[in-house]
Amino acid sequence: MMLEITDLKVSYGAIQALRGIDLTLNEGEIVALIGGNGAGKSTTLQTISGLLKPVSGSIRFLGDEIIGVAPQEIVARGIIHVPEGRRIFSSLTVEENLEMGAYLQRDKIAKQRTLEEAYVRFPRLKERRKQAGGTLSGGEQQMLAIARAIMAQPKLLLLDEPSMGLSPVLVEQIFDIIESINDQGTSILLVEQNAQMALSIANRGYVLETGGIVLSGEAESLLHDPMVIEAYLGG
């Protein structure tokens, strides 16, 4: 078991954002977390990556408890978070953004090799490597955010709404990239409002509503579940 979340509770003041959720992710899986706005999806990712402190519960990564571990140490252990809204460094060049992703990598030759691999996977970023990140289109910025995360060679990639604000063609491209990253051995926890796309590439899924998990199962079965169809697939 790569990731095991047990009875996780998170509050913002008097508001309970997560009401005791249980979630698991096995090595090599893509697990989708779907639900509407305010369901607690982003809160879940922020708590895993150490940005939020839970009220109670447990998060175990590769067998070790990580609640209370500093965010930079969680990164060093191999959990990399691509937040909602991309959060690239808009004044830095594309290449500088990518290099920031590999700041823990001490070996310069290995860092250069990782950069070259990123450019093979994202040829558009190579074309724009000297441009400021802020001048890229929305789709290119999303590619840059994912590529920067891959520079850290994650064991587990947390993706928060990677398709947000993108055209259907770009959404297809981004999901192809996510699948190819997974094919090369990176496990992925995917938060996504586009339930159809998320479940089409995931192994398993969880449906979150107002801070609680209301449904979970194989992605294929969730795609055909009447509740999921009605609530999230425009049924």
Foldseek 3Di string as FASTA:
>chain_A
DFKWWFQWWAADVVATQAGTETDDFDFLFEEEEEEDPSLNQLVVVCQLLANGATPDTFMAGPRHTCRVPHNVVSLVVFEFEQEPPRPFQQQQFLQVSLVVLQVVPPDPVVLVVLVVVLCVLVVVCVVRRRPGLNVDDLLVSLSSSVSSPCSSVGQEYEYAASCPPHDPVSVVVVLVSVLVVSVVGHYYYYYHLQLVSSLVRGQKYFYGGSNYTPDIDGSVVLVVDPVCCVPRVVD
